[in-house]
Amino acid sequence: MPADDPPALDAAAALAQVPWLAAGSAEARALLLRQASVRRYERQQAVFHRGDPLDHLWIVIEGRLEMSVVGADGRRFVAAQVPPGEAVGFIPLVDRRGAIHDARAVVPTAMLRLPREAFLAALQADVELLQAVLRLLLERGRRLNEWRAEVTMRPLLARLARLLLGLAQAFGADEPDGAVSLAISQDDLAAMVGVTRQALNPEIKTLERSGVVELAYRRVILRDVAGLRTLAREGGA
């Protein structure tokens, strides 16, 4: 079972990490803080499942959260790996139709929970916060449409390069020699670009042979970030 962290200080520090919440007033943040709670999850532990009713908005404050869907054929598609400061669950929180994705902790992860009633009350009380949430959701809609265009227009190698760059920016660890290490498996990469591992393997081997990346156990090391950016631009601007 997930563990609750009772001290209000943890929740207050977590709220301060969320960029879009900074647009709201101190009163709105105080309203949310009065009912916020922090939960911690172990690696691979489920946070919620597709179809579950969601009565809280979830914000990642430490670690990494995976949002995925398993198809009828058993294949897993990873919609996103969510870094600290990002929130999930906006749509099911409002439309009450259940979670869209399965959510699990990729690594030990802490989540801030904001109850539905408190979150909606804060939006009603603070127009700046409401506008910040609308901008956030519009930006996510834009990224979704860009991703759909990429699936049909960009070659797989370019999509993979763009994915690696984005993941490295969010989760990468700098190496002493200037490389960037990314803790992720090839299975997860395949699920994120929407192909099988067998389809992904030739593309990632191409990156390895060219010296752009180095493969290790459950890690990809970006050796040539500039080269990766060049490959990411193929098939479109």
C-alpha atoms as a PDB file:
ATOM      1  CA  MET A   1       0.000   0.000   0.000  1.00  0.00           C
ATOM      2  CA  PRO A   2       1.160   3.568  -0.636  1.00  0.00           C
ATOM      3  CA  ALA A   3       2.395   5.476   2.376  1.00  0.00           C
ATOM      4  CA  ASP A   4       0.939   8.830   3.454  1.00  0.00           C
ATOM      5  CA  ASP A   5       3.236  11.638   4.583  1.00  0.00           C
ATOM      6  CA  PRO A   6       1.255  13.595   7.194  1.00  0.00           C
ATOM      7  CA  PRO A   7       3.400  16.741   7.651  1.00  0.00           C
ATOM      8  CA  ALA A   8       1.850  19.774   5.924  1.00  0.00           C
ATOM      9  CA  LEU A   9       5.371  21.047   5.216  1.00  0.00           C
ATOM     10  CA  ASP A  10       5.894  18.312   2.618  1.00  0.00           C
ATOM     11  CA  ALA A  11       2.740  19.327   0.766  1.00  0.00           C
ATOM     12  CA  ALA A  12       3.639  23.011   0.956  1.00  0.00           C
ATOM     13  CA  ALA A  13       7.072  22.370  -0.535  1.00  0.00           C
ATOM     14  CA  ALA A  14       5.489  20.235  -3.235  1.00  0.00           C
ATOM     15  CA  LEU A  15       3.011  22.941  -4.219  1.00  0.00           C
ATOM     16  CA  ALA A  16       5.888  25.401  -4.588  1.00  0.00           C
ATOM     17  CA  GLN A  17       7.469  23.101  -7.228  1.00  0.00           C
ATOM     18  CA  VAL A  18       4.482  23.266  -9.605  1.00  0.00           C
ATOM     19  CA  PRO A  19       4.943  26.054 -12.197  1.00  0.00           C
ATOM     20  CA  TRP A  20       1.278  26.519 -13.146  1.00  0.00           C
ATOM     21  CA  LEU A  21       0.240  26.765  -9.497  1.00  0.00           C
ATOM     22  CA  ALA A  22       2.606  29.707  -9.117  1.00  0.00           C
ATOM     23  CA  ALA A  23       0.216  31.696 -11.327  1.00  0.00           C
ATOM     24  CA  GLY A  24      -2.466  31.447  -8.647  1.00  0.00           C
ATOM     25  CA  SER A  25      -2.859  33.528  -5.554  1.00  0.00           C
ATOM     26  CA  ALA A  26      -1.460  32.691  -2.139  1.00  0.00           C
ATOM     27  CA  GLU A  27      -5.065  32.255  -0.973  1.00  0.00           C
ATOM     28  CA  ALA A  28      -5.745  29.618  -3.655  1.00  0.00           C
ATOM     29  CA  ARG A  29      -2.581  27.707  -2.735  1.00  0.00           C
ATOM     30  CA  ALA A  30      -3.530  27.872   0.941  1.00  0.00           C
ATOM     31  CA  LEU A  31      -6.967  26.476   0.088  1.00  0.00           C
ATOM     32  CA  LEU A  32      -5.367  23.553  -1.721  1.00  0.00           C
ATOM     33  CA  LEU A  33      -2.774  23.026   0.980  1.00  0.00           C
ATOM     34  CA  ARG A  34      -5.368  22.572   3.698  1.00  0.00           C
ATOM     35  CA  GLN A  35      -6.558  19.350   2.065  1.00  0.00           C
ATOM     36  CA  ALA A  36      -3.467  18.184   0.182  1.00  0.00           C
ATOM     37  CA  SER A  37      -1.622  15.004   1.078  1.00  0.00           C
ATOM     38  CA  VAL A  38       1.576  13.301  -0.081  1.00  0.00           C
ATOM     39  CA  ARG A  39       1.806   9.608  -0.963  1.00  0.00           C
ATOM     40  CA  ARG A  40       4.905   7.602  -1.773  1.00  0.00           C
ATOM     41  CA  TYR A  41       5.087   4.628  -4.136  1.00  0.00           C
ATOM     42  CA  GLU A  42       7.748   1.989  -4.651  1.00  0.00           C
ATOM     43  CA  ARG A  43       9.264   1.176  -8.042  1.00  0.00           C
ATOM     44  CA  GLN A  44       6.681  -0.447 -10.364  1.00  0.00           C
ATOM     45  CA  GLN A  45       3.842   0.135  -7.879  1.00  0.00           C
ATOM     46  CA  ALA A  46       0.474   1.069  -9.373  1.00  0.00           C
ATOM     47  CA  VAL A  47      -0.919   4.506  -8.514  1.00  0.00           C
ATOM     48  CA  PHE A  48      -4.244   3.976 -10.290  1.00  0.00           C
ATOM     49  CA  HIS A  49      -5.636   1.900 -13.156  1.00  0.00           C
ATOM     50  CA  ARG A  50      -7.451   2.761 -16.360  1.00  0.00           C
ATOM     51  CA  GLY A  51     -11.161   3.169 -15.590  1.00  0.00           C
ATOM     52  CA  ASP A  52     -10.688   3.907 -11.883  1.00  0.00           C
ATOM     53  CA  PRO A  53     -12.745   6.845 -10.601  1.00  0.00           C
ATOM     54  CA  LEU A  54     -10.402   9.699  -9.699  1.00  0.00           C
ATOM     55  CA  ASP A  55     -11.343  11.987  -6.838  1.00  0.00           C
ATOM     56  CA  HIS A  56      -7.949  13.710  -6.685  1.00  0.00           C
ATOM     57  CA  LEU A  57      -5.603  15.561  -8.975  1.00  0.00           C
ATOM     58  CA  TRP A  58      -2.188  13.893  -8.809  1.00  0.00           C
ATOM     59  CA  ILE A  59       1.067  15.863  -9.030  1.00  0.00           C
ATOM     60  CA  VAL A  60       4.475  14.186  -9.283  1.00  0.00           C
ATOM     61  CA  ILE A  61       6.869  15.751  -6.766  1.00  0.00           C
ATOM     62  CA  GLU A  62       9.686  13.160  -6.780  1.00  0.00           C
ATOM     63  CA  GLY A  63      10.564  10.305  -9.119  1.00  0.00           C
ATOM     64  CA  ARG A  64       8.837   9.421 -12.385  1.00  0.00           C
ATOM     65  CA  LEU A  65       5.309   8.305 -13.282  1.00  0.00           C
ATOM     66  CA  GLU A  66       4.394   6.226 -16.337  1.00  0.00           C
ATOM     67  CA  MET A  67       1.017   6.709 -18.033  1.00  0.00           C
ATOM     68  CA  SER A  68       0.153   3.770 -20.275  1.00  0.00           C
ATOM     69  CA  VAL A  69      -2.616   1.775 -21.946  1.00  0.00           C
ATOM     70  CA  VAL A  70      -2.645  -1.966 -22.667  1.00  0.00           C
ATOM     71  CA  GLY A  71      -4.423  -2.895 -25.892  1.00  0.00           C
ATOM     72  CA  ALA A  72      -6.639  -5.878 -26.572  1.00  0.00           C
ATOM     73  CA  ASP A  73      -3.631  -7.654 -28.077  1.00  0.00           C
ATOM     74  CA  GLY A  74      -1.668  -7.207 -24.839  1.00  0.00           C
ATOM     75  CA  ARG A  75       0.693  -4.567 -26.234  1.00  0.00           C
ATOM     76  CA  ARG A  76       1.497  -1.644 -23.934  1.00  0.00           C
ATOM     77  CA  PHE A  77       1.545   1.903 -25.236  1.00  0.00           C
ATOM     78  CA  VAL A  78       3.240   4.479 -23.005  1.00  0.00           C
ATOM     79  CA  ALA A  79       1.561   7.853 -23.439  1.00  0.00           C
ATOM     80  CA  ALA A  80       4.051   9.670 -21.218  1.00  0.00           C
ATOM     81  CA  GLN A  81       6.634   9.413 -18.496  1.00  0.00           C
ATOM     82  CA  VAL A  82       5.777  12.261 -16.173  1.00  0.00           C
ATOM     83  CA  PRO A  83       8.498  14.267 -14.357  1.00  0.00           C
ATOM     84  CA  PRO A  84       8.236  16.180 -11.066  1.00  0.00           C
ATOM     85  CA  GLY A  85       6.049  19.283 -11.260  1.00  0.00           C
ATOM     86  CA  GLU A  86       3.599  17.759 -13.752  1.00  0.00           C
ATOM     87  CA  ALA A  87      -0.021  16.930 -12.889  1.00  0.00           C
ATOM     88  CA  VAL A  88      -2.169  14.045 -14.170  1.00  0.00           C
ATOM     89  CA  GLY A  89      -5.864  13.292 -13.989  1.00  0.00           C
ATOM     90  CA  PHE A  90      -7.423  16.595 -15.089  1.00  0.00           C
ATOM     91  CA  ILE A  91      -9.924  15.029 -17.512  1.00  0.00           C
ATOM     92  CA  PRO A  92     -11.327  12.207 -15.313  1.00  0.00           C
ATOM     93  CA  LEU A  93     -11.384  14.582 -12.363  1.00  0.00           C
ATOM     94  CA  VAL A  94     -13.816  16.850 -14.216  1.00  0.00           C
ATOM     95  CA  ASP A  95     -15.837  14.489 -16.432  1.00  0.00           C
ATOM     96  CA  ARG A  96     -16.021  11.698 -13.794  1.00  0.00           C
ATOM     97  CA  ARG A  97     -15.677   8.998 -16.469  1.00  0.00           C
ATOM     98  CA  GLY A  98     -12.693   7.181 -15.000  1.00  0.00           C
ATOM     99  CA  ALA A  99      -8.941   7.282 -15.521  1.00  0.00           C
ATOM    100  CA  ILE A 100      -7.769   7.252 -19.144  1.00  0.00           C
ATOM    101  CA  HIS A 101      -4.453   5.500 -18.397  1.00  0.00           C
ATOM    102  CA  ASP A 102      -2.813   3.084 -16.033  1.00  0.00           C
ATOM    103  CA  ALA A 103      -0.364   4.989 -13.821  1.00  0.00           C
ATOM    104  CA  ARG A 104       2.638   3.354 -12.159  1.00  0.00           C
ATOM    105  CA  ALA A 105       5.805   4.546 -10.484  1.00  0.00           C
ATOM    106  CA  VAL A 106       8.837   3.923 -12.704  1.00  0.00           C
ATOM    107  CA  VAL A 107      11.162   4.575  -9.755  1.00  0.00           C
ATOM    108  CA  PRO A 108      10.368   5.357  -6.098  1.00  0.00           C
ATOM    109  CA  THR A 109       7.939   8.235  -6.534  1.00  0.00           C
ATOM    110  CA  ALA A 110       6.140  10.772  -4.348  1.00  0.00           C
ATOM    111  CA  MET A 111       2.760  12.109  -5.421  1.00  0.00           C
ATOM    112  CA  LEU A 112       0.837  15.103  -4.131  1.00  0.00           C
ATOM    113  CA  ARG A 113      -2.940  14.563  -4.042  1.00  0.00           C
ATOM    114  CA  LEU A 114      -5.362  17.492  -4.330  1.00  0.00           C
ATOM    115  CA  PRO A 115      -9.017  16.561  -3.611  1.00  0.00           C
ATOM    116  CA  ARG A 116     -11.454  17.308  -6.428  1.00  0.00           C
ATOM    117  CA  GLU A 117     -13.649  19.651  -4.381  1.00  0.00           C
ATOM    118  CA  ALA A 118     -10.692  21.716  -3.152  1.00  0.00           C
ATOM    119  CA  PHE A 119      -9.178  21.947  -6.635  1.00  0.00           C
ATOM    120  CA  LEU A 120     -12.436  23.056  -8.290  1.00  0.00           C
ATOM    121  CA  ALA A 121     -13.077  25.544  -5.477  1.00  0.00           C
ATOM    122  CA  ALA A 122      -9.611  27.042  -5.991  1.00  0.00           C
ATOM    123  CA  LEU A 123     -10.293  27.416  -9.741  1.00  0.00           C
ATOM    124  CA  GLN A 124     -13.608  29.141  -9.065  1.00  0.00           C
ATOM    125  CA  ALA A 125     -11.989  31.508  -6.571  1.00  0.00           C
ATOM    126  CA  ASP A 126      -8.948  32.466  -8.643  1.00  0.00           C
ATOM    127  CA  VAL A 127      -9.286  33.419 -12.309  1.00  0.00           C
ATOM    128  CA  GLU A 128      -5.483  33.549 -12.768  1.00  0.00           C
ATOM    129  CA  LEU A 129      -5.178  29.942 -11.632  1.00  0.00           C
ATOM    130  CA  LEU A 130      -8.055  28.936 -13.911  1.00  0.00           C
ATOM    131  CA  GLN A 131      -6.364  30.588 -16.882  1.00  0.00           C
ATOM    132  CA  ALA A 132      -3.059  28.884 -16.038  1.00  0.00           C
ATOM    133  CA  VAL A 133      -4.771  25.470 -16.031  1.00  0.00           C
ATOM    134  CA  LEU A 134      -6.474  26.244 -19.354  1.00  0.00           C
ATOM    135  CA  ARG A 135      -3.113  27.214 -20.891  1.00  0.00           C
ATOM    136  CA  LEU A 136      -1.597  23.991 -19.564  1.00  0.00           C
ATOM    137  CA  LEU A 137      -4.366  21.847 -21.070  1.00  0.00           C
ATOM    138  CA  LEU A 138      -4.183  23.696 -24.399  1.00  0.00           C
ATOM    139  CA  GLU A 139      -0.422  23.109 -24.538  1.00  0.00           C
ATOM    140  CA  ARG A 140      -0.981  19.408 -23.885  1.00  0.00           C
ATOM    141  CA  GLY A 141      -3.574  19.321 -26.674  1.00  0.00           C
ATOM    142  CA  ARG A 142      -1.073  20.968 -29.023  1.00  0.00           C
ATOM    143  CA  ARG A 143       1.609  18.386 -28.139  1.00  0.00           C
ATOM    144  CA  LEU A 144      -0.860  15.554 -28.724  1.00  0.00           C
ATOM    145  CA  ASN A 145      -1.685  16.832 -32.200  1.00  0.00           C
ATOM    146  CA  GLU A 146       2.019  17.305 -32.983  1.00  0.00           C
ATOM    147  CA  TRP A 147       2.672  13.717 -31.881  1.00  0.00           C
ATOM    148  CA  ARG A 148      -0.106  12.432 -34.154  1.00  0.00           C
ATOM    149  CA  ALA A 149       1.444  14.289 -37.078  1.00  0.00           C
ATOM    150  CA  GLU A 150       4.859  12.832 -36.260  1.00  0.00           C
ATOM    151  CA  VAL A 151       3.529   9.275 -36.256  1.00  0.00           C
ATOM    152  CA  THR A 152       2.362   9.641 -39.841  1.00  0.00           C
ATOM    153  CA  MET A 153       4.987  12.022 -41.279  1.00  0.00           C
ATOM    154  CA  ARG A 154       8.329  11.441 -39.551  1.00  0.00           C
ATOM    155  CA  PRO A 155      10.546   8.376 -40.005  1.00  0.00           C
ATOM    156  CA  LEU A 156      10.853   6.152 -36.965  1.00  0.00           C
ATOM    157  CA  LEU A 157      14.523   7.053 -36.460  1.00  0.00           C
ATOM    158  CA  ALA A 158      13.657  10.768 -36.193  1.00  0.00           C
ATOM    159  CA  ARG A 159      10.824  10.030 -33.761  1.00  0.00           C
ATOM    160  CA  LEU A 160      13.178   7.946 -31.630  1.00  0.00           C
ATOM    161  CA  ALA A 161      15.792  10.703 -31.623  1.00  0.00           C
ATOM    162  CA  ARG A 162      13.231  13.302 -30.553  1.00  0.00           C
ATOM    163  CA  LEU A 163      11.966  11.008 -27.814  1.00  0.00           C
ATOM    164  CA  LEU A 164      15.463  10.413 -26.444  1.00  0.00           C
ATOM    165  CA  LEU A 165      16.169  14.147 -26.395  1.00  0.00           C
ATOM    166  CA  GLY A 166      12.932  14.878 -24.559  1.00  0.00           C
ATOM    167  CA  LEU A 167      13.473  12.129 -21.993  1.00  0.00           C
ATOM    168  CA  ALA A 168      17.073  13.207 -21.454  1.00  0.00           C
ATOM    169  CA  GLN A 169      15.954  16.774 -20.792  1.00  0.00           C
ATOM    170  CA  ALA A 170      13.416  15.588 -18.210  1.00  0.00           C
ATOM    171  CA  PHE A 171      15.262  12.674 -16.578  1.00  0.00           C
ATOM    172  CA  GLY A 172      18.838  12.556 -17.882  1.00  0.00           C
ATOM    173  CA  ALA A 173      21.901  12.410 -15.638  1.00  0.00           C
ATOM    174  CA  ASP A 174      25.097  14.168 -16.734  1.00  0.00           C
ATOM    175  CA  GLU A 175      28.146  11.921 -17.053  1.00  0.00           C
ATOM    176  CA  PRO A 176      31.716  13.128 -16.238  1.00  0.00           C
ATOM    177  CA  ASP A 177      32.706  12.878 -19.913  1.00  0.00           C
ATOM    178  CA  GLY A 178      29.852  15.128 -21.048  1.00  0.00           C
ATOM    179  CA  ALA A 179      27.481  12.356 -22.104  1.00  0.00           C
ATOM    180  CA  VAL A 180      23.934  12.103 -20.757  1.00  0.00           C
ATOM    181  CA  SER A 181      22.727   8.868 -19.163  1.00  0.00           C
ATOM    182  CA  LEU A 182      19.050   7.957 -19.355  1.00  0.00           C
ATOM    183  CA  ALA A 183      17.605   5.174 -17.203  1.00  0.00           C
ATOM    184  CA  ILE A 184      15.121   3.489 -19.534  1.00  0.00           C
ATOM    185  CA  SER A 185      14.698   0.083 -21.139  1.00  0.00           C
ATOM    186  CA  GLN A 186      14.345  -0.623 -24.847  1.00  0.00           C
ATOM    187  CA  ASP A 187      10.911  -2.129 -24.128  1.00  0.00           C
ATOM    188  CA  ASP A 188       9.807   1.205 -22.648  1.00  0.00           C
ATOM    189  CA  LEU A 189      11.228   3.143 -25.597  1.00  0.00           C
ATOM    190  CA  ALA A 190       9.324   0.927 -28.030  1.00  0.00           C
ATOM    191  CA  ALA A 191       6.115   1.417 -26.057  1.00  0.00           C
ATOM    192  CA  MET A 192       6.598   5.181 -26.137  1.00  0.00           C
ATOM    193  CA  VAL A 193       7.053   5.430 -29.914  1.00  0.00           C
ATOM    194  CA  GLY A 194       4.206   2.961 -30.480  1.00  0.00           C
ATOM    195  CA  VAL A 195       6.102   0.075 -32.103  1.00  0.00           C
ATOM    196  CA  THR A 196       7.259  -3.370 -31.083  1.00  0.00           C
ATOM    197  CA  ARG A 197      10.747  -3.869 -29.675  1.00  0.00           C
ATOM    198  CA  GLN A 198      11.575  -5.873 -32.814  1.00  0.00           C
ATOM    199  CA  ALA A 199      10.695  -2.842 -34.959  1.00  0.00           C
ATOM    200  CA  LEU A 200      12.658  -0.493 -32.719  1.00  0.00           C
ATOM    201  CA  ASN A 201      15.798  -2.629 -32.515  1.00  0.00           C
ATOM    202  CA  PRO A 202      17.246  -1.820 -35.978  1.00  0.00           C
ATOM    203  CA  GLU A 203      16.782   1.916 -35.384  1.00  0.00           C
ATOM    204  CA  ILE A 204      18.475   1.985 -32.020  1.00  0.00           C
ATOM    205  CA  LYS A 205      21.272  -0.206 -33.381  1.00  0.00           C
ATOM    206  CA  THR A 206      21.763   2.390 -36.123  1.00  0.00           C
ATOM    207  CA  LEU A 207      22.209   5.052 -33.433  1.00  0.00           C
ATOM    208  CA  GLU A 208      24.647   2.810 -31.577  1.00  0.00           C
ATOM    209  CA  ARG A 209      26.771   2.028 -34.657  1.00  0.00           C
ATOM    210  CA  SER A 210      27.029   5.718 -35.503  1.00  0.00           C
ATOM    211  CA  GLY A 211      28.280   6.491 -31.995  1.00  0.00           C
ATOM    212  CA  VAL A 212      25.307   8.707 -31.145  1.00  0.00           C
ATOM    213  CA  VAL A 213      24.211   6.470 -28.278  1.00  0.00           C
ATOM    214  CA  GLU A 214      25.627   3.649 -26.198  1.00  0.00           C
ATOM    215  CA  LEU A 215      23.397   0.866 -24.919  1.00  0.00           C
ATOM    216  CA  ALA A 216      23.746  -0.513 -21.391  1.00  0.00           C
ATOM    217  CA  TYR A 217      21.511  -2.554 -19.101  1.00  0.00           C
ATOM    218  CA  ARG A 218      18.239  -0.591 -18.771  1.00  0.00           C
ATOM    219  CA  ARG A 219      20.116   2.552 -19.792  1.00  0.00           C
ATOM    220  CA  VAL A 220      20.765   4.554 -22.923  1.00  0.00           C
ATOM    221  CA  ILE A 221      23.781   6.862 -22.874  1.00  0.00           C
ATOM    222  CA  LEU A 222      23.586   9.829 -25.232  1.00  0.00           C
ATOM    223  CA  ARG A 223      27.146  10.270 -26.553  1.00  0.00           C
ATOM    224  CA  ASP A 224      26.424  12.813 -29.297  1.00  0.00           C
ATOM    225  CA  VAL A 225      23.522  15.088 -28.399  1.00  0.00           C
ATOM    226  CA  ALA A 226      24.172  17.385 -31.372  1.00  0.00           C
ATOM    227  CA  GLY A 227      24.045  14.405 -33.734  1.00  0.00           C
ATOM    228  CA  LEU A 228      20.824  13.274 -32.118  1.00  0.00           C
ATOM    229  CA  ARG A 229      19.315  16.721 -32.703  1.00  0.00           C
ATOM    230  CA  THR A 230      20.255  16.518 -36.375  1.00  0.00           C
ATOM    231  CA  LEU A 231      18.544  13.142 -36.710  1.00  0.00           C
ATOM    232  CA  ALA A 232      15.482  14.459 -34.854  1.00  0.00           C
ATOM    233  CA  ARG A 233      15.004  17.155 -37.489  1.00  0.00           C
ATOM    234  CA  GLU A 234      14.725  14.633 -40.319  1.00  0.00           C
ATOM    235  CA  GLY A 235      11.290  14.410 -41.869  1.00  0.00           C
ATOM    236  CA  GLY A 236      10.207  17.882 -40.757  1.00  0.00           C
ATOM    237  CA  ALA A 237      11.215  21.098 -39.052  1.00  0.00           C
END
